[in-house]
Structure formats: C-alpha cells, structure tokens
Amino acid sequence: MSQRIGRAQFEQRLVELCVDSGSMEFSRRVIDRHILWKSILVGLDPAAQYSEKGIDERI
C-alpha cells in the first residue's frame, strides 16, 4: 500500500526523526525510511557522480 504525505507532514516528521528523537538508529517504519531517503536524495545533484565517501559526507 502506497501512502502519500504532504510537504508540511514530511518536514515535521523529518524534524522528529532527526532532531527530536536523539536516536542514531534507522527507523523501522517504512514511511519514515522513505522520508529519510528522500531527504538525502533532494540534497544531491542528479547530474553529479558521487563516490561512497562523497555521499557519506553529504549525509
């Protein structure tokens, strides 16, 4: 089942996952994983090629 969320909900949940939780563990909830992955992807240049180290630095 696909679940879509709006921008405000995305931003709120991202803050909760990264700032408020204080946890370094990757969430087990599928929707949370999608939020985290999407937040990483939007910060990358689609035309660039990144090494693993380059991606790690941006994360």
Protein backbone atom coordinates (compact mmCIF):
# COMPACT_ATOMS: atom_id res chain seq x y z
CA MET A 1 0.00 0.00 0.00
CA SER A 2 1.38 3.38 -1.01
CA GLN A 3 0.94 6.28 1.37
CA ARG A 4 1.46 9.86 0.22
CA ILE A 5 2.17 12.70 2.59
CA GLY A 6 2.23 16.44 2.12
CA ARG A 7 5.21 18.74 2.41
CA ALA A 8 4.30 20.02 5.88
CA GLN A 9 3.90 16.49 7.23
CA PHE A 10 7.18 15.45 5.54
CA GLU A 11 9.06 18.35 7.13
CA GLN A 12 7.51 17.79 10.55
CA ARG A 13 8.31 14.08 10.55
CA LEU A 14 11.86 14.71 9.32
CA VAL A 15 12.47 17.05 12.25
CA GLU A 16 11.03 14.46 14.63
CA LEU A 17 13.27 11.75 13.18
CA CYS A 18 16.49 13.74 13.04
CA VAL A 19 16.30 16.34 15.77
CA ASP A 20 13.71 15.44 18.35
CA SER A 21 14.31 11.70 18.64
CA GLY A 22 18.00 11.88 19.59
CA SER A 23 18.37 8.37 18.18
CA MET A 24 21.04 7.31 15.71
CA GLU A 25 19.08 4.22 14.66
CA PHE A 26 17.38 4.00 11.28
CA SER A 27 13.62 3.86 11.74
CA ARG A 28 11.84 0.56 11.16
CA ARG A 29 8.70 2.25 9.83
CA VAL A 30 8.58 2.17 6.04
CA ILE A 31 7.18 5.69 5.75
CA ASP A 32 9.97 7.03 8.00
CA ARG A 33 12.61 5.29 5.88
CA HIS A 34 11.15 6.88 2.76
CA ILE A 35 11.25 10.30 4.43
CA LEU A 36 14.90 9.85 5.41
CA TRP A 37 15.95 8.58 1.97
CA LYS A 38 14.06 11.35 0.18
CA SER A 39 15.68 13.99 2.40
CA ILE A 40 19.08 12.62 1.39
CA LEU A 41 18.26 12.47 -2.31
CA VAL A 42 16.99 16.04 -2.59
CA GLY A 43 20.39 17.27 -1.42
CA LEU A 44 22.27 15.50 -4.20
CA ASP A 45 22.89 16.84 -7.69
CA PRO A 46 21.33 14.37 -10.16
CA ALA A 47 23.97 15.23 -12.78
CA ALA A 48 26.90 14.53 -10.44
CA GLN A 49 28.64 11.25 -9.79
CA TYR A 50 29.38 10.58 -6.15
CA SER A 51 31.77 8.20 -4.51
CA GLU A 52 30.63 6.36 -1.42
CA LYS A 53 32.74 8.75 0.65
CA GLY A 54 31.17 11.74 -1.11
CA ILE A 55 27.68 10.54 -0.28
CA ASP A 56 28.68 9.78 3.31
CA GLU A 57 29.98 13.34 3.66
CA ARG A 58 26.71 14.79 2.41
CA ILE A 59 24.61 12.63 4.71
